[in-house]
C-alpha atoms as a PDB file:
ATOM      1  CA  UNK A   1      17.160  35.485  42.526  1.00  0.00           C
ATOM      2  CA  UNK A   2      19.332  35.180  45.656  1.00  0.00           C
ATOM      3  CA  UNK A   3      17.584  32.020  46.644  1.00  0.00           C
ATOM      4  CA  UNK A   4      18.128  30.463  43.194  1.00  0.00           C
ATOM      5  CA  UNK A   5      21.854  31.183  43.133  1.00  0.00           C
ATOM      6  CA  UNK A   6      22.155  29.730  46.729  1.00  0.00           C
ATOM      7  CA  UNK A   7      20.306  26.639  45.614  1.00  0.00           C
ATOM      8  CA  UNK A   8      22.368  26.394  42.405  1.00  0.00           C
ATOM      9  CA  UNK A   9      25.648  26.707  44.375  1.00  0.00           C
ATOM     10  CA  UNK A  10      24.440  23.898  46.874  1.00  0.00           C
ATOM     11  CA  UNK A  11      23.415  21.703  43.979  1.00  0.00           C
ATOM     12  CA  UNK A  12      26.690  22.228  42.163  1.00  0.00           C
ATOM     13  CA  UNK A  13      28.684  21.248  45.350  1.00  0.00           C
ATOM     14  CA  UNK A  14      26.506  18.259  45.952  1.00  0.00           C
ATOM     15  CA  UNK A  15      26.774  16.976  42.373  1.00  0.00           C
ATOM     16  CA  UNK A  16      30.581  17.478  42.314  1.00  0.00           C
ATOM     17  CA  UNK A  17      30.997  15.448  45.529  1.00  0.00           C
ATOM     18  CA  UNK A  18      28.569  12.808  44.354  1.00  0.00           C
ATOM     19  CA  UNK A  19      30.268  12.413  40.934  1.00  0.00           C
ATOM     20  CA  UNK A  20      33.788  11.963  42.552  1.00  0.00           C
ATOM     21  CA  UNK A  21      32.458   9.404  44.820  1.00  0.00           C
ATOM     22  CA  UNK A  22      30.501   7.624  42.222  1.00  0.00           C
ATOM     23  CA  UNK A  23      33.505   7.552  39.819  1.00  0.00           C
ATOM     24  CA  UNK A  24      35.798   6.272  42.473  1.00  0.00           C
ATOM     25  CA  UNK A  25      33.243   3.576  43.344  1.00  0.00           C
ATOM     26  CA  UNK A  26      32.599   2.488  39.773  1.00  0.00           C
ATOM     27  CA  UNK A  27      36.218   2.143  39.023  1.00  0.00           C
ATOM     28  CA  UNK A  28      36.835   0.019  41.984  1.00  0.00           C
ATOM     29  CA  UNK A  29      37.716  -3.725  41.202  1.00  0.00           C
ATOM     30  CA  UNK A  30      35.413  -4.490  44.194  1.00  0.00           C
ATOM     31  CA  UNK A  31      32.443  -3.247  41.999  1.00  0.00           C
ATOM     32  CA  UNK A  32      33.689  -4.236  38.554  1.00  0.00           C
ATOM     33  CA  UNK A  33      34.450  -7.802  39.264  1.00  0.00           C
ATOM     34  CA  UNK A  34      31.250  -8.842  40.721  1.00  0.00           C
ATOM     35  CA  UNK A  35      29.312  -6.727  38.058  1.00  0.00           C
ATOM     36  CA  UNK A  36      31.374  -8.375  35.255  1.00  0.00           C
ATOM     37  CA  UNK A  37      30.487 -11.899  36.788  1.00  0.00           C
ATOM     38  CA  UNK A  38      26.906 -11.007  37.073  1.00  0.00           C
ATOM     39  CA  UNK A  39      26.740  -9.664  33.333  1.00  0.00           C
ATOM     40  CA  UNK A  40      28.515 -12.900  32.095  1.00  0.00           C
ATOM     41  CA  UNK A  41      26.131 -15.123  34.057  1.00  0.00           C
ATOM     42  CA  UNK A  42      23.129 -13.099  32.612  1.00  0.00           C
ATOM     43  CA  UNK A  43      24.446 -13.356  29.073  1.00  0.00           C
ATOM     44  CA  UNK A  44      25.040 -17.298  29.458  1.00  0.00           C
ATOM     45  CA  UNK A  45      21.506 -17.636  30.881  1.00  0.00           C
ATOM     46  CA  UNK A  46      19.961 -15.540  27.995  1.00  0.00           C
ATOM     47  CA  UNK A  47      21.945 -17.613  25.456  1.00  0.00           C
ATOM     48  CA  UNK A  48      20.643 -20.907  27.076  1.00  0.00           C
ATOM     49  CA  UNK A  49      17.080 -19.535  27.050  1.00  0.00           C
ATOM     50  CA  UNK A  50      17.213 -18.411  23.574  1.00  0.00           C
ATOM     51  CA  UNK A  51      18.477 -21.920  22.415  1.00  0.00           C
ATOM     52  CA  UNK A  52      15.861 -23.633  24.383  1.00  0.00           C
ATOM     53  CA  UNK A  53      13.044 -21.361  23.024  1.00  0.00           C
ATOM     54  CA  UNK A  54      14.391 -21.885  19.355  1.00  0.00           C
ATOM     55  CA  UNK A  55      14.312 -25.748  19.913  1.00  0.00           C
ATOM     56  CA  UNK A  56      10.776 -25.465  21.351  1.00  0.00           C
ATOM     57  CA  UNK A  57       9.520 -23.470  18.198  1.00  0.00           C
ATOM     58  CA  UNK A  58      11.161 -25.960  15.995  1.00  0.00           C
ATOM     59  CA  UNK A  59       9.782 -28.890  17.557  1.00  0.00           C
ATOM     60  CA  UNK A  60       6.306 -27.388  17.374  1.00  0.00           C
ATOM     61  CA  UNK A  61       7.032 -26.676  13.635  1.00  0.00           C
ATOM     62  CA  UNK A  62       6.900 -22.788  13.968  1.00  0.00           C
ATOM     63  CA  UNK A  63       9.801 -21.074  12.093  1.00  0.00           C
ATOM     64  CA  UNK A  64      12.296 -19.389  14.413  1.00  0.00           C
ATOM     65  CA  UNK A  65      13.504 -15.877  13.880  1.00  0.00           C
ATOM     66  CA  UNK A  66      16.626 -17.061  12.167  1.00  0.00           C
ATOM     67  CA  UNK A  67      14.456 -19.238   9.805  1.00  0.00           C
ATOM     68  CA  UNK A  68      12.307 -16.191   9.037  1.00  0.00           C
ATOM     69  CA  UNK A  69      15.248 -13.971   8.417  1.00  0.00           C
ATOM     70  CA  UNK A  70      16.789 -16.662   6.143  1.00  0.00           C
ATOM     71  CA  UNK A  71      13.472 -16.803   4.153  1.00  0.00           C
ATOM     72  CA  UNK A  72      13.176 -13.104   3.950  1.00  0.00           C
ATOM     73  CA  UNK A  73      16.662 -12.908   2.730  1.00  0.00           C
ATOM     74  CA  UNK A  74      16.034 -15.476  -0.076  1.00  0.00           C
ATOM     75  CA  UNK A  75      12.889 -13.464  -0.908  1.00  0.00           C
ATOM     76  CA  UNK A  76      14.660 -10.320  -1.294  1.00  0.00           C
ATOM     77  CA  UNK A  77      17.226 -11.958  -3.491  1.00  0.00           C
ATOM     78  CA  UNK A  78      14.479 -13.250  -5.765  1.00  0.00           C
ATOM     79  CA  UNK A  79      12.824  -9.853  -5.946  1.00  0.00           C
ATOM     80  CA  UNK A  80      16.049  -8.182  -6.846  1.00  0.00           C
ATOM     81  CA  UNK A  81      16.680 -10.818  -9.710  1.00  0.00           C
ATOM     82  CA  UNK A  82      13.131 -10.357 -10.905  1.00  0.00           C
ATOM     83  CA  UNK A  83      13.605  -6.651 -11.045  1.00  0.00           C
ATOM     84  CA  UNK A  84      16.825  -6.941 -13.026  1.00  0.00           C
ATOM     85  CA  UNK A  85      15.032  -9.328 -15.415  1.00  0.00           C
ATOM     86  CA  UNK A  86      12.195  -6.923 -15.804  1.00  0.00           C
ATOM     87  CA  UNK A  87      14.649  -4.099 -16.715  1.00  0.00           C
ATOM     88  CA  UNK A  88      16.496  -6.201 -19.198  1.00  0.00           C
ATOM     89  CA  UNK A  89      13.299  -7.185 -20.905  1.00  0.00           C
ATOM     90  CA  UNK A  90      12.155  -3.677 -21.038  1.00  0.00           C
ATOM     91  CA  UNK A  91      15.424  -2.578 -22.590  1.00  0.00           C
ATOM     92  CA  UNK A  92      15.203  -5.564 -25.162  1.00  0.00           C
ATOM     93  CA  UNK A  93      11.559  -4.444 -25.985  1.00  0.00           C
ATOM     94  CA  UNK A  94      12.610  -0.794 -26.254  1.00  0.00           C
ATOM     95  CA  UNK A  95      15.426  -1.726 -28.558  1.00  0.00           C
ATOM     96  CA  UNK A  96      13.246  -4.049 -30.780  1.00  0.00           C
ATOM     97  CA  UNK A  97      10.721  -1.197 -31.193  1.00  0.00           C
ATOM     98  CA  UNK A  98      13.462   1.232 -31.868  1.00  0.00           C
ATOM     99  CA  UNK A  99      14.871  -1.138 -34.724  1.00  0.00           C
ATOM    100  CA  UNK A 100      11.289  -1.732 -36.035  1.00  0.00           C
ATOM    101  CA  UNK A 101      10.719   2.139 -36.201  1.00  0.00           C
ATOM    102  CA  UNK A 102      14.028   2.511 -38.264  1.00  0.00           C
ATOM    103  CA  UNK A 103      12.873   0.135 -40.910  1.00  0.00           C
END
């Protein structure tokens, strides 16, 4: 048990010192400015790549993700309208049978 306590105290001291150093380093403009620039460059590269891939797929005639999402949205709208019409038709059918049953 003494060995565990000694190891735990040593680890806690190491973790505290490391955390203070890492926090100081990560808040430094010398770290943040290049990291931000790198992130910006990566995002611009990704956007250009995505645009090029979409153009390639369009040129080949294969629908892009955006095309598929637009088609899926239209299909979902059609399904919703069809379900509403089926419900209205069922209500009208039930009302007609209820009226016929009264006579």
